[in-house]
Amino acid sequence: MKKTVVHFEIGCSDIDQTTAFYKRVFDWNLTKNGNAAIIDTGAPDALSGHINQLGPKDPENYVTIYIETDSLTADLEAVESNGGTVFVQPIELPDGRSFAWFRDVAGNLIGLITPLPKD
């Protein structure tokens, strides 16, 4: 599998304020679900994304890209063996995918995500 950037996430401390900002500035359609909002830019082949309010002790004010992978385990092992660190261990999402976060050697926070399960 090619390791392609497939998603982005914008972190915030106030989901309502941040979604309103992006709606006003870019006219994005945002569908809120708890402390997150899925971004629909209206462009047919746009990269998918969401805005997320994690909590008071979690990182906020961040932008993270997600790289699609068939194996979170193998890629996280490669991250660590090449000087990076795992920041969030794999977590399963309701849609059947799983994600994890790592920090690269420069300290950047990057996400890994598995593809949607095939029916």
Protein backbone atom coordinates (compact mmCIF):
# COMPACT_ATOMS: atom_id res chain seq x y z
CA MET A 1 0.00 0.00 0.00
CA LYS A 2 1.21 3.48 -0.79
CA LYS A 3 1.48 5.61 2.33
CA THR A 4 -0.81 8.45 1.28
CA VAL A 5 -2.03 11.43 3.31
CA VAL A 6 -5.79 10.84 3.47
CA HIS A 7 -7.13 12.99 6.31
CA PHE A 8 -6.40 16.04 8.45
CA GLU A 9 -7.46 17.11 11.92
CA ILE A 10 -7.63 20.59 13.44
CA GLY A 11 -7.45 20.65 17.24
CA CYS A 12 -9.13 23.28 19.37
CA SER A 13 -10.19 24.11 22.91
CA ASP A 14 -13.69 25.34 21.90
CA ILE A 15 -15.49 23.28 19.25
CA ASP A 16 -18.37 25.75 18.83
CA GLN A 17 -16.13 28.78 18.36
CA THR A 18 -13.76 26.95 16.02
CA THR A 19 -16.46 25.41 13.80
CA ALA A 20 -18.20 28.79 13.54
CA PHE A 21 -14.89 30.37 12.48
CA TYR A 22 -14.29 27.86 9.63
CA LYS A 23 -17.93 28.10 8.52
CA ARG A 24 -17.73 31.90 8.29
CA VAL A 25 -14.26 32.12 6.75
CA PHE A 26 -14.36 29.23 4.25
CA ASP A 27 -18.11 28.44 4.04
CA TRP A 28 -17.40 24.81 5.01
CA ASN A 29 -20.29 22.60 6.01
CA LEU A 30 -19.55 21.10 9.43
CA THR A 31 -21.46 18.22 11.00
CA LYS A 32 -20.98 18.19 14.76
CA ASN A 33 -20.85 14.95 16.69
CA GLY A 34 -20.05 15.55 20.35
CA ASN A 35 -16.65 17.24 20.61
CA ALA A 36 -15.85 16.76 16.93
CA ALA A 37 -17.11 18.09 13.61
CA ILE A 38 -16.67 16.48 10.21
CA ILE A 39 -15.59 18.96 7.54
CA ASP A 40 -17.27 19.04 4.14
CA THR A 41 -15.55 21.64 1.97
CA GLY A 42 -17.96 21.05 -0.92
CA ALA A 43 -15.14 20.06 -3.29
CA PRO A 44 -15.71 16.61 -4.85
CA ASP A 45 -12.20 15.19 -4.42
CA ALA A 46 -11.11 17.13 -1.33
CA LEU A 47 -9.06 15.56 1.43
CA SER A 48 -11.33 14.59 4.33
CA GLY A 49 -10.93 16.30 7.67
CA HIS A 50 -12.41 17.08 11.03
CA ILE A 51 -12.14 19.53 13.91
CA ASN A 52 -11.67 18.03 17.36
CA GLN A 53 -11.86 19.33 20.92
CA LEU A 54 -9.94 16.75 22.96
CA GLY A 55 -9.96 18.07 26.51
CA PRO A 56 -8.15 20.33 28.96
CA LYS A 57 -4.98 18.23 29.28
CA ASP A 58 -4.71 16.96 25.72
CA PRO A 59 -2.93 18.79 22.94
CA GLU A 60 -4.90 21.62 21.43
CA ASN A 61 -4.14 24.22 18.79
CA TYR A 62 -2.64 21.66 16.44
CA VAL A 63 -3.05 20.44 12.89
CA THR A 64 -2.32 16.79 12.21
CA ILE A 65 -2.21 14.91 8.94
CA TYR A 66 -3.10 11.22 8.76
CA ILE A 67 -1.21 8.74 6.62
CA GLU A 68 -3.12 5.64 5.56
CA THR A 69 -1.52 2.31 6.42
CA ASP A 70 -2.38 -1.39 6.36
CA SER A 71 -0.49 -2.01 9.61
CA LEU A 72 -0.39 0.40 12.51
CA THR A 73 1.79 -2.06 14.42
CA ALA A 74 4.45 -2.34 11.71
CA ASP A 75 4.56 1.41 11.06
CA LEU A 76 4.72 2.30 14.77
CA GLU A 77 7.59 -0.16 15.18
CA ALA A 78 9.34 1.54 12.24
CA VAL A 79 8.70 4.96 13.80
CA GLU A 80 10.33 3.88 17.07
CA SER A 81 13.25 2.09 15.43
CA ASN A 82 14.02 5.26 13.47
CA GLY A 83 14.00 7.67 16.42
CA GLY A 84 10.32 8.67 16.61
CA THR A 85 7.99 8.04 19.53
CA VAL A 86 4.46 6.67 19.79
CA PHE A 87 2.19 9.36 21.26
CA VAL A 88 -1.20 7.56 21.10
CA GLN A 89 -1.41 3.78 20.85
CA PRO A 90 -3.89 2.34 18.29
CA ILE A 91 -7.54 3.15 18.95
CA GLU A 92 -10.46 1.61 17.06
CA LEU A 93 -12.97 4.02 15.52
CA PRO A 94 -16.73 3.36 15.21
CA ASP A 95 -16.43 3.03 11.41
CA GLY A 96 -14.06 0.05 11.70
CA ARG A 97 -10.81 1.91 11.08
CA SER A 98 -8.09 2.36 13.69
CA PHE A 99 -5.70 5.25 14.24
CA ALA A 100 -2.58 6.11 16.22
CA TRP A 101 -0.40 9.19 16.67
CA PHE A 102 3.38 9.46 16.71
CA ARG A 103 5.97 12.19 17.01
CA ASP A 104 8.66 12.25 14.35
CA VAL A 105 12.31 13.09 15.06
CA ALA A 106 11.50 16.81 14.75
CA GLY A 107 8.66 16.55 17.28
CA ASN A 108 5.82 16.84 14.76
CA LEU A 109 2.58 15.06 15.69
CA ILE A 110 1.48 12.78 12.83
CA GLY A 111 -1.44 10.36 12.59
CA LEU A 112 -1.67 6.92 11.05
CA ILE A 113 -5.05 5.51 10.02
CA THR A 114 -6.15 2.20 8.53
CA PRO A 115 -8.45 2.11 5.49
CA LEU A 116 -12.17 1.58 5.80
CA PRO A 117 -12.97 -2.14 6.03
CA LYS A 118 -14.09 -3.68 2.76
CA ASP A 119 -17.63 -5.01 2.71
